[in-house]
């Protein structure tokens, strides 16, 4: 609510940004064990759908402020660590060179090389967030940086319309995101680049998309078929544009945001627990559910299972419904750690919150899935009708539609096609050629049917 007060953006958008940032901060700290489902990571993929002008960048900038500050601290530290590494590497190279020139048999030379020790490892790069990675770039980011990352962008069209989601790469990208959401190791073997085995990596995401970009994601059968959408939490809140009149800042919001910043900063800078044999691989301790939380989760799980049956409430979004209880468990654990970073047990109240959030996302997915089954042309025609009904004069000519109508209709061909759909559906009536509008005769004129 403090984010909403500060930006007047839709409340659900503000909540989505804060929840995604909290997920990013806690993902390296714990796993959660769900009844019958085993140990699950606390990664999360979020998508927010909103038009231009809904203040997506403003909300994301505030929500990610503590993350950016931690990144800057890491950057300053990395300059010092980099110099230490360069010196250690130079000394190691010199030692190896001298060891190679050791006189004696193979065993003697090998002993001299062993005495030099392993090659120093470069310090991790300071960047935590990436906005537009290809699957290969994201894998490299997790290999050379810290064992966790976030794909966050307020301009999601750059990612969805970029190299990561083109026809050639989108399956690899979705498969990599699925692997990261599941907490599995990244395994790659390439002739040119060699092998890469990366266990214990975590990556969460928040993509803010304009509706026209989101349509490409939701309508592509690949993303549903491969299970990517089932792992994604989507919010498409109603616009607040037109209601955001100036108001004085709320003084209490500063304290709330300061507390939020402090919590995320503490979680991000908290020491990772890693595998003894692989210090760059996360091995988070496992949270378990309080007995009361376990009962609540099982009840929700069974409801979800019944709802994905034929003709059930979630049957039209069955892949998402099948993972809905897991989403609820992960969300409950994330909220628990945001409240108490030392927690090892998910309480009932957090599980109730997780179930409430999961139910919200299920309703959003059902609503959007219904919209995705309608062709893009029909959706644009619907926008034209809504805009037309808001005009004072029910009579419009073609140029008025493509000059002042919905943004998708900025040329005569598109405007004519959308108007034809409305005409065939009985929403508008074509008037005779050379009908006078605004004092001039126009060839293509329509009247909105009352």
Protein backbone atom coordinates (compact mmCIF):
# COMPACT_ATOMS: atom_id res chain seq x y z
CA UNK A 1 0.00 0.00 0.00
CA UNK A 2 2.93 2.35 0.59
CA UNK A 3 4.03 1.68 -3.00
CA UNK A 4 0.50 2.44 -4.17
CA UNK A 5 0.35 5.66 -2.16
CA UNK A 6 3.70 6.74 -3.56
CA UNK A 7 2.93 5.99 -7.25
CA UNK A 8 -0.91 5.67 -7.43
CA UNK A 9 -0.30 2.66 -9.69
CA UNK A 10 -2.72 -0.30 -9.43
CA UNK A 11 -2.50 -1.99 -6.03
CA UNK A 12 -2.03 -5.44 -7.57
CA UNK A 13 0.93 -4.16 -9.61
CA UNK A 14 2.54 -2.76 -6.46
CA UNK A 15 1.94 -6.02 -4.60
CA UNK A 16 3.36 -8.03 -7.50
CA UNK A 17 6.56 -5.95 -7.58
CA UNK A 18 7.07 -6.18 -3.81
CA UNK A 19 6.38 -9.93 -3.75
CA UNK A 20 8.73 -10.58 -6.67
CA UNK A 21 11.51 -8.58 -5.02
CA UNK A 22 10.99 -10.44 -1.73
CA UNK A 23 11.15 -13.74 -3.63
CA UNK A 24 14.44 -12.68 -5.17
CA UNK A 25 15.82 -11.86 -1.71
CA UNK A 26 14.79 -15.09 0.05
CA UNK A 27 15.34 -17.65 -2.73
CA UNK A 28 18.90 -18.49 -1.65
CA UNK A 29 18.05 -18.79 2.04
CA UNK A 30 15.66 -21.75 2.28
CA UNK A 31 13.85 -24.57 0.57
CA UNK A 32 10.44 -25.71 1.75
CA UNK A 33 9.22 -29.28 2.21
CA UNK A 34 5.63 -29.87 1.12
CA UNK A 35 3.68 -33.01 2.14
CA UNK A 36 4.13 -35.68 -0.49
CA UNK A 37 5.86 -33.27 -2.83
CA UNK A 38 9.37 -33.23 -1.45
CA UNK A 39 11.74 -30.29 -1.11
CA UNK A 40 10.95 -27.23 -3.23
CA UNK A 41 13.02 -24.09 -3.92
CA UNK A 42 11.60 -20.66 -3.20
CA UNK A 43 11.98 -19.34 -6.73
CA UNK A 44 9.08 -17.55 -8.40
CA UNK A 45 8.22 -16.23 -11.85
CA UNK A 46 5.93 -13.21 -11.95
CA UNK A 47 4.34 -11.42 -14.90
CA UNK A 48 2.43 -8.14 -14.64
CA UNK A 49 0.32 -6.99 -17.60
CA UNK A 50 -0.35 -3.26 -17.89
CA UNK A 51 -0.54 -0.63 -20.61
CA UNK A 52 1.98 2.14 -21.10
CA UNK A 53 1.43 4.97 -18.64
CA UNK A 54 0.51 2.69 -15.71
CA UNK A 55 3.80 3.63 -13.97
CA UNK A 56 5.38 0.18 -14.19
CA UNK A 57 8.90 1.62 -14.14
CA UNK A 58 8.14 3.84 -11.14
CA UNK A 59 6.80 0.93 -9.11
CA UNK A 60 9.64 -1.39 -10.06
CA UNK A 61 12.25 1.27 -9.28
CA UNK A 62 10.99 1.64 -5.70
CA UNK A 63 10.45 -2.09 -5.17
CA UNK A 64 13.97 -2.91 -6.37
CA UNK A 65 15.71 0.02 -4.64
CA UNK A 66 17.29 -2.17 -1.91
CA UNK A 67 18.44 -4.68 -4.53
CA UNK A 68 20.14 -1.96 -6.56
CA UNK A 69 21.86 -0.60 -3.45
CA UNK A 70 23.21 -4.03 -2.56
CA UNK A 71 24.43 -4.45 -6.14
CA UNK A 72 26.31 -1.16 -5.82
CA UNK A 73 27.97 -2.33 -2.60
CA UNK A 74 28.98 -5.54 -4.34
CA UNK A 75 30.41 -3.52 -7.24
CA UNK A 76 32.59 -1.48 -4.88
CA UNK A 77 33.74 -4.64 -3.11
CA UNK A 78 34.48 -6.34 -6.42
CA UNK A 79 37.00 -3.67 -7.43
CA UNK A 80 39.08 -4.51 -4.34
CA UNK A 81 38.54 -8.25 -4.76
CA UNK A 82 39.45 -8.03 -8.43
CA UNK A 83 42.84 -6.52 -7.68
CA UNK A 84 43.51 -9.24 -5.10
CA UNK A 85 42.55 -11.89 -7.66
CA UNK A 86 44.79 -10.40 -10.37
CA UNK A 87 47.75 -10.46 -8.00
CA UNK A 88 46.99 -14.00 -6.82
CA UNK A 89 46.61 -15.19 -10.41
CA UNK A 90 49.92 -13.60 -11.43
CA UNK A 91 51.68 -15.25 -8.50
CA UNK A 92 50.06 -18.59 -9.35
CA UNK A 93 51.10 -18.33 -13.01
CA UNK A 94 54.67 -17.59 -11.93
CA UNK A 95 54.66 -20.50 -9.51
CA UNK A 96 53.30 -22.89 -12.15
CA UNK A 97 55.91 -21.73 -14.64
CA UNK A 98 58.72 -22.36 -12.16
CA UNK A 99 57.27 -25.74 -11.16
CA UNK A 100 57.23 -26.84 -14.80
CA UNK A 101 60.96 -26.12 -15.03
CA UNK A 102 61.74 -28.27 -11.99
CA UNK A 103 64.51 -30.72 -12.70
CA UNK A 104 63.89 -34.38 -12.05
CA UNK A 105 61.51 -37.16 -13.01
CA UNK A 106 57.76 -36.91 -13.62
CA UNK A 107 56.89 -37.51 -9.98
CA UNK A 108 59.16 -34.67 -8.87
CA UNK A 109 57.68 -32.23 -11.39
CA UNK A 110 54.16 -33.26 -10.45
CA UNK A 111 54.90 -32.77 -6.76
CA UNK A 112 56.18 -29.27 -7.53
CA UNK A 113 53.00 -28.44 -9.49
CA UNK A 114 50.79 -29.86 -6.73
CA UNK A 115 52.59 -27.67 -4.23
CA UNK A 116 51.54 -24.54 -6.17
CA UNK A 117 47.91 -25.41 -5.47
CA UNK A 118 44.72 -24.84 -7.45
CA UNK A 119 44.26 -21.84 -9.71
CA UNK A 120 42.73 -18.86 -7.90
CA UNK A 121 39.07 -18.34 -8.76
CA UNK A 122 37.89 -14.96 -10.03
CA UNK A 123 35.51 -13.17 -7.66
CA UNK A 124 31.85 -13.21 -8.71
CA UNK A 125 30.68 -10.29 -10.77
CA UNK A 126 28.53 -7.87 -8.77
CA UNK A 127 25.45 -7.94 -11.00
CA UNK A 128 22.39 -9.68 -9.58
CA UNK A 129 19.68 -8.46 -11.97
CA UNK A 130 19.58 -9.07 -15.71
CA UNK A 131 16.90 -7.70 -18.01
CA UNK A 132 17.31 -9.30 -21.43
CA UNK A 133 19.37 -12.50 -21.28
CA UNK A 134 19.46 -15.32 -23.79
CA UNK A 135 19.40 -18.78 -22.17
CA UNK A 136 23.14 -19.06 -22.80
CA UNK A 137 23.81 -15.64 -21.27
CA UNK A 138 21.70 -16.43 -18.19
CA UNK A 139 23.55 -19.72 -17.72
CA UNK A 140 26.88 -17.89 -17.97
CA UNK A 141 25.63 -15.25 -15.54
CA UNK A 142 24.88 -17.96 -12.96
CA UNK A 143 28.24 -19.63 -13.62
CA UNK A 144 30.40 -16.51 -13.23
CA UNK A 145 28.37 -14.58 -10.68
CA UNK A 146 26.72 -15.49 -7.43
CA UNK A 147 24.62 -18.66 -7.38
CA UNK A 148 21.40 -16.66 -7.58
CA UNK A 149 20.01 -14.08 -9.99
CA UNK A 150 16.87 -12.25 -11.03
CA UNK A 151 15.43 -11.54 -14.47
CA UNK A 152 13.58 -8.29 -13.78
CA UNK A 153 12.43 -5.71 -16.30
CA UNK A 154 9.70 -3.07 -16.54
CA UNK A 155 10.05 -3.34 -20.33
CA UNK A 156 9.28 -7.01 -20.79
CA UNK A 157 8.83 -6.52 -24.52
CA UNK A 158 12.62 -6.33 -24.81
CA UNK A 159 12.84 -9.89 -23.48
CA UNK A 160 9.77 -11.43 -25.13
CA UNK A 161 10.54 -9.71 -28.44
CA UNK A 162 14.30 -10.27 -28.23
CA UNK A 163 16.74 -13.07 -28.88
CA UNK A 164 15.64 -15.12 -25.87
CA UNK A 165 12.11 -15.65 -27.17
CA UNK A 166 12.54 -15.72 -30.94
CA UNK A 167 11.33 -18.81 -32.80
CA UNK A 168 14.72 -20.48 -32.57
CA UNK A 169 15.45 -19.87 -28.88
CA UNK A 170 12.10 -19.70 -27.09
CA UNK A 171 11.93 -23.43 -26.33
CA UNK A 172 15.44 -23.38 -24.84
CA UNK A 173 14.60 -20.28 -22.82
CA UNK A 174 11.36 -21.72 -21.44
CA UNK A 175 13.07 -25.02 -20.65
CA UNK A 176 15.84 -23.22 -18.74
CA UNK A 177 13.29 -21.24 -16.72
CA UNK A 178 11.47 -24.49 -15.93
CA UNK A 179 14.74 -26.06 -14.75
CA UNK A 180 15.47 -23.08 -12.49
CA UNK A 181 11.94 -23.01 -11.07
CA UNK A 182 12.19 -26.70 -10.25
CA UNK A 183 15.58 -26.19 -8.58
CA UNK A 184 17.33 -28.73 -10.81
CA UNK A 185 20.97 -28.48 -11.85
CA UNK A 186 21.80 -26.82 -15.16
CA UNK A 187 23.54 -29.37 -17.38
CA UNK A 188 25.04 -28.31 -20.72
CA UNK A 189 27.43 -30.06 -23.05
CA UNK A 190 28.49 -28.23 -26.20
CA UNK A 191 31.20 -29.06 -28.72
CA UNK A 192 32.38 -25.47 -28.90
CA UNK A 193 31.96 -24.32 -25.30
CA UNK A 194 32.51 -27.56 -23.41
CA UNK A 195 30.59 -28.84 -20.43
CA UNK A 196 28.81 -26.88 -17.73
CA UNK A 197 27.31 -28.42 -14.60
CA UNK A 198 25.69 -25.91 -12.26
CA UNK A 199 23.82 -27.36 -9.28
CA UNK A 200 22.44 -25.20 -6.50
CA UNK A 201 21.40 -22.18 -8.59
CA UNK A 202 18.35 -20.01 -8.00
CA UNK A 203 16.72 -17.52 -10.33
CA UNK A 204 13.44 -15.63 -9.99
CA UNK A 205 11.80 -13.27 -12.44
CA UNK A 206 9.36 -10.41 -12.80
CA UNK A 207 8.41 -9.28 -16.29
CA UNK A 208 6.16 -6.26 -16.81
CA UNK A 209 4.44 -6.56 -20.18
CA UNK A 210 2.13 -4.42 -22.24
CA UNK A 211 -1.06 -6.27 -23.23
CA UNK A 212 -0.04 -6.64 -26.87
CA UNK A 213 3.23 -8.29 -25.76
CA UNK A 214 1.46 -10.47 -23.20
CA UNK A 215 -0.85 -11.77 -25.93
CA UNK A 216 2.16 -13.26 -27.72
CA UNK A 217 3.13 -15.07 -24.51
CA UNK A 218 -0.32 -16.30 -23.50
CA UNK A 219 -1.46 -17.34 -26.97
CA UNK A 220 1.65 -19.36 -27.86
CA UNK A 221 0.82 -23.06 -27.31
CA UNK A 222 4.50 -23.84 -26.75
CA UNK A 223 4.63 -22.00 -23.41
CA UNK A 224 1.56 -23.80 -22.12
CA UNK A 225 2.60 -27.15 -23.55
CA UNK A 226 6.09 -27.05 -22.06
CA UNK A 227 4.75 -26.00 -18.64
CA UNK A 228 6.23 -22.50 -18.54
CA UNK A 229 2.88 -20.75 -17.96
CA UNK A 230 1.99 -23.26 -15.24
CA UNK A 231 5.01 -22.00 -13.29
CA UNK A 232 4.14 -18.31 -13.79
CA UNK A 233 2.09 -16.06 -11.51
CA UNK A 234 0.28 -13.47 -13.63
CA UNK A 235 -1.51 -10.29 -12.59
CA UNK A 236 -3.37 -7.98 -14.97
CA UNK A 237 -4.89 -5.26 -12.76
CA UNK A 238 -7.38 -2.65 -13.88
CA UNK A 239 -5.96 0.73 -14.84
CA UNK A 240 -5.82 3.65 -12.41
CA UNK A 241 -5.19 6.16 -15.22
CA UNK A 242 -7.52 9.14 -14.95
CA UNK A 243 -7.87 8.83 -11.17
CA UNK A 244 -4.33 9.77 -10.14
CA UNK A 245 -4.94 13.33 -9.03
CA UNK A 246 -2.17 15.00 -7.07
CA UNK A 247 -2.06 14.34 -3.36
CA UNK A 248 0.47 15.15 -0.68
CA UNK A 249 2.85 12.33 0.29
CA UNK A 250 1.86 10.20 3.25
CA UNK A 251 4.55 10.57 5.90
CA UNK A 252 3.93 7.11 7.28
CA UNK A 253 4.90 5.53 3.95
CA UNK A 254 8.54 6.51 4.42
CA UNK A 255 8.85 4.37 7.56
CA UNK A 256 7.10 1.43 5.87
CA UNK A 257 9.38 1.55 2.83
CA UNK A 258 12.45 1.97 5.04
CA UNK A 259 11.49 -1.21 6.90
CA UNK A 260 10.91 -3.00 3.58
CA UNK A 261 14.32 -1.87 2.32
CA UNK A 262 16.02 -3.01 5.51
CA UNK A 263 14.41 -6.46 5.38
CA UNK A 264 15.40 -7.09 1.75
CA UNK A 265 18.91 -5.74 2.30
CA UNK A 266 19.42 -8.07 5.26
CA UNK A 267 18.16 -11.08 3.31
CA UNK A 268 20.34 -10.32 0.26
CA UNK A 269 23.50 -9.80 2.32
CA UNK A 270 22.89 -12.77 4.59
CA UNK A 271 25.47 -15.54 4.24
CA UNK A 272 24.55 -18.30 1.81
CA UNK A 273 24.71 -21.92 2.89
CA UNK A 274 26.53 -23.90 0.20
CA UNK A 275 27.59 -27.47 -0.42
CA UNK A 276 30.82 -28.48 1.39
CA UNK A 277 32.26 -29.91 -1.82
CA UNK A 278 31.06 -27.02 -4.05
CA UNK A 279 31.27 -23.63 -2.34
CA UNK A 280 29.53 -21.93 -5.27
CA UNK A 281 26.46 -24.24 -5.15
CA UNK A 282 23.62 -23.33 -2.83
CA UNK A 283 22.43 -25.90 -0.31
CA UNK A 284 19.67 -24.05 1.60
CA UNK A 285 18.25 -25.54 4.79
CA UNK A 286 14.73 -26.92 4.56
CA UNK A 287 11.71 -25.24 6.14
CA UNK A 288 8.82 -27.45 7.20
CA UNK A 289 5.17 -26.72 7.74
CA UNK A 290 3.72 -26.28 11.21
CA UNK A 291 1.15 -29.07 11.82
CA UNK A 292 -1.73 -26.60 11.45
CA UNK A 293 -0.21 -25.18 8.25
CA UNK A 294 0.20 -28.73 6.96
CA UNK A 295 -3.50 -29.43 7.48
CA UNK A 296 -4.43 -26.21 5.65
CA UNK A 297 -2.08 -26.99 2.76
CA UNK A 298 -3.41 -30.54 2.34
CA UNK A 299 -6.99 -29.26 2.28
CA UNK A 300 -6.08 -26.73 -0.43
CA UNK A 301 -4.14 -29.37 -2.36
CA UNK A 302 -7.17 -31.65 -2.43
CA UNK A 303 -9.43 -28.81 -3.57
CA UNK A 304 -7.03 -28.04 -6.43
CA UNK A 305 -6.88 -31.70 -7.43
CA UNK A 306 -10.66 -31.92 -7.57
CA UNK A 307 -10.83 -28.66 -9.53
CA UNK A 308 -8.64 -29.95 -12.38
CA UNK A 309 -10.97 -32.89 -13.03
CA UNK A 310 -13.11 -32.85 -16.17
CA UNK A 311 -15.53 -29.90 -15.95
CA UNK A 312 -13.86 -28.78 -12.70
CA UNK A 313 -13.27 -25.12 -11.90
CA UNK A 314 -9.63 -25.31 -13.04
CA UNK A 315 -10.06 -27.80 -15.88
CA UNK A 316 -9.43 -25.13 -18.53
CA UNK A 317 -6.07 -24.25 -16.92
CA UNK A 318 -5.19 -27.77 -15.78
CA UNK A 319 -1.35 -27.47 -15.95
CA UNK A 320 -1.48 -24.35 -13.76
CA UNK A 321 -4.07 -25.88 -11.45
CA UNK A 322 -1.87 -28.94 -10.97
CA UNK A 323 0.88 -26.70 -9.55
CA UNK A 324 -1.38 -24.32 -7.65
CA UNK A 325 -0.90 -25.97 -4.25
CA UNK A 326 2.86 -25.86 -4.74
CA UNK A 327 2.61 -22.16 -5.57
CA UNK A 328 0.69 -21.64 -2.32
CA UNK A 329 3.36 -23.48 -0.30
CA UNK A 330 6.19 -21.50 -1.85
CA UNK A 331 4.39 -18.18 -1.33
CA UNK A 332 3.71 -19.06 2.31
CA UNK A 333 7.40 -19.80 2.90
CA UNK A 334 8.48 -16.57 1.18
CA UNK A 335 6.13 -14.51 3.36
CA UNK A 336 7.41 -16.35 6.44
CA UNK A 337 11.04 -15.47 5.70
CA UNK A 338 10.20 -11.87 4.89
CA UNK A 339 8.63 -11.66 8.34
CA UNK A 340 11.38 -13.64 10.10
CA UNK A 341 14.65 -14.47 8.26
CA UNK A 342 15.54 -17.06 10.93
CA UNK A 343 12.28 -19.02 10.62
CA UNK A 344 12.48 -22.76 9.98
CA UNK A 345 8.76 -23.45 10.13
CA UNK A 346 5.86 -22.07 8.08
CA UNK A 347 3.03 -21.02 10.44
CA UNK A 348 -0.69 -21.33 9.75
CA UNK A 349 -1.21 -17.61 9.13
CA UNK A 350 1.45 -17.59 6.40
CA UNK A 351 -0.13 -20.63 4.75
CA UNK A 352 -3.52 -18.96 4.82
CA UNK A 353 -1.93 -15.96 3.08
CA UNK A 354 -0.25 -18.25 0.55
CA UNK A 355 -3.56 -19.93 -0.25
CA UNK A 356 -5.27 -16.55 -0.64
CA UNK A 357 -2.58 -15.37 -3.05
CA UNK A 358 -2.67 -18.63 -5.01
CA UNK A 359 -6.45 -18.29 -5.33
CA UNK A 360 -6.02 -14.76 -6.67
CA UNK A 361 -3.53 -15.96 -9.29
CA UNK A 362 -5.84 -18.83 -10.25
CA UNK A 363 -8.68 -16.39 -10.88
CA UNK A 364 -6.36 -14.20 -12.96
CA UNK A 365 -5.21 -17.18 -15.01
CA UNK A 366 -8.81 -18.28 -15.63
CA UNK A 367 -9.78 -14.77 -16.71
CA UNK A 368 -6.77 -14.35 -18.98
CA UNK A 369 -7.07 -17.86 -20.40
CA UNK A 370 -10.61 -17.02 -21.47
CA UNK A 371 -9.32 -13.88 -23.15
CA UNK A 372 -6.53 -15.80 -24.86
CA UNK A 373 -9.08 -18.02 -26.60
CA UNK A 374 -10.46 -14.96 -28.40
CA UNK A 375 -8.59 -13.84 -31.49
CA UNK A 376 -6.47 -10.72 -31.36
CA UNK A 377 -8.66 -9.12 -34.05
CA UNK A 378 -11.77 -9.53 -31.89
CA UNK A 379 -10.01 -8.08 -28.85
CA UNK A 380 -8.94 -5.03 -30.84
CA UNK A 381 -12.48 -4.63 -32.17
CA UNK A 382 -13.73 -4.76 -28.58
CA UNK A 383 -11.31 -1.96 -27.64
CA UNK A 384 -12.54 0.09 -30.57
CA UNK A 385 -16.15 -0.43 -29.46
CA UNK A 386 -15.33 0.61 -25.89
CA UNK A 387 -13.57 3.74 -27.15
CA UNK A 388 -16.39 4.53 -29.59
CA UNK A 389 -19.00 4.27 -26.85
CA UNK A 390 -17.08 6.89 -24.86
CA UNK A 391 -17.28 9.47 -27.68
CA UNK A 392 -19.87 12.24 -27.64
CA UNK A 393 -20.80 11.83 -31.30
CA UNK A 394 -21.85 8.31 -32.35
CA UNK A 395 -20.97 9.08 -35.99
CA UNK A 396 -17.30 8.68 -36.95
CA UNK A 397 -15.41 8.59 -40.22
CA UNK A 398 -12.40 6.36 -40.95
CA UNK A 399 -9.70 8.98 -40.41
CA UNK A 400 -11.06 9.83 -36.95
CA UNK A 401 -10.77 6.16 -35.96
CA UNK A 402 -7.14 5.68 -36.98
CA UNK A 403 -6.06 9.13 -35.79
CA UNK A 404 -7.72 9.15 -32.36
CA UNK A 405 -8.87 5.59 -31.67
CA UNK A 406 -7.03 2.70 -29.95
CA UNK A 407 -3.28 2.62 -30.51
CA UNK A 408 -3.47 -0.64 -32.48
CA UNK A 409 -5.48 1.15 -35.21
CA UNK A 410 -3.02 3.75 -36.41
CA UNK A 411 -3.49 3.09 -40.14
CA UNK A 412 -6.51 2.96 -42.46
CA UNK A 413 -6.23 -0.78 -43.12
CA UNK A 414 -6.29 -1.77 -39.44
CA UNK A 415 -9.06 0.69 -38.59
CA UNK A 416 -11.19 -0.50 -41.52
CA UNK A 417 -10.75 -4.17 -40.51
CA UNK A 418 -11.76 -3.57 -36.89
CA UNK A 419 -14.75 -1.47 -37.91
CA UNK A 420 -15.85 -4.20 -40.33
CA UNK A 421 -15.98 -6.67 -37.41
CA UNK A 422 -18.19 -4.26 -35.46
CA UNK A 423 -20.36 -3.75 -38.52
CA UNK A 424 -20.81 -7.47 -39.12
CA UNK A 425 -21.63 -7.92 -35.43
CA UNK A 426 -24.31 -5.24 -35.55
CA UNK A 427 -22.57 -2.72 -33.28
CA UNK A 428 -22.13 -0.04 -35.95
CA UNK A 429 -24.00 0.84 -39.15
CA UNK A 430 -22.30 2.02 -42.34
CA UNK A 431 -23.69 5.31 -43.64
CA UNK A 432 -23.87 6.32 -47.32
CA UNK A 433 -20.67 7.59 -49.01
CA UNK A 434 -20.08 11.34 -48.83
CA UNK A 435 -21.94 11.65 -45.52
CA UNK A 436 -21.12 15.03 -43.97
CA UNK A 437 -19.13 14.85 -40.73
CA UNK A 438 -17.57 17.98 -39.19
CA UNK A 439 -18.59 20.00 -42.22
CA UNK A 440 -16.89 17.73 -44.78
CA UNK A 441 -18.00 14.81 -46.92
CA UNK A 442 -16.31 11.48 -46.13
CA UNK A 443 -16.35 8.24 -48.10
CA UNK A 444 -16.35 5.81 -45.14
CA UNK A 445 -18.62 6.76 -42.25
CA UNK A 446 -20.33 4.69 -39.53
CA UNK A 447 -22.87 5.30 -36.80
CA UNK A 448 -22.79 3.51 -33.45
CA UNK A 449 -25.98 1.50 -33.03
CA UNK A 450 -27.75 2.56 -29.80
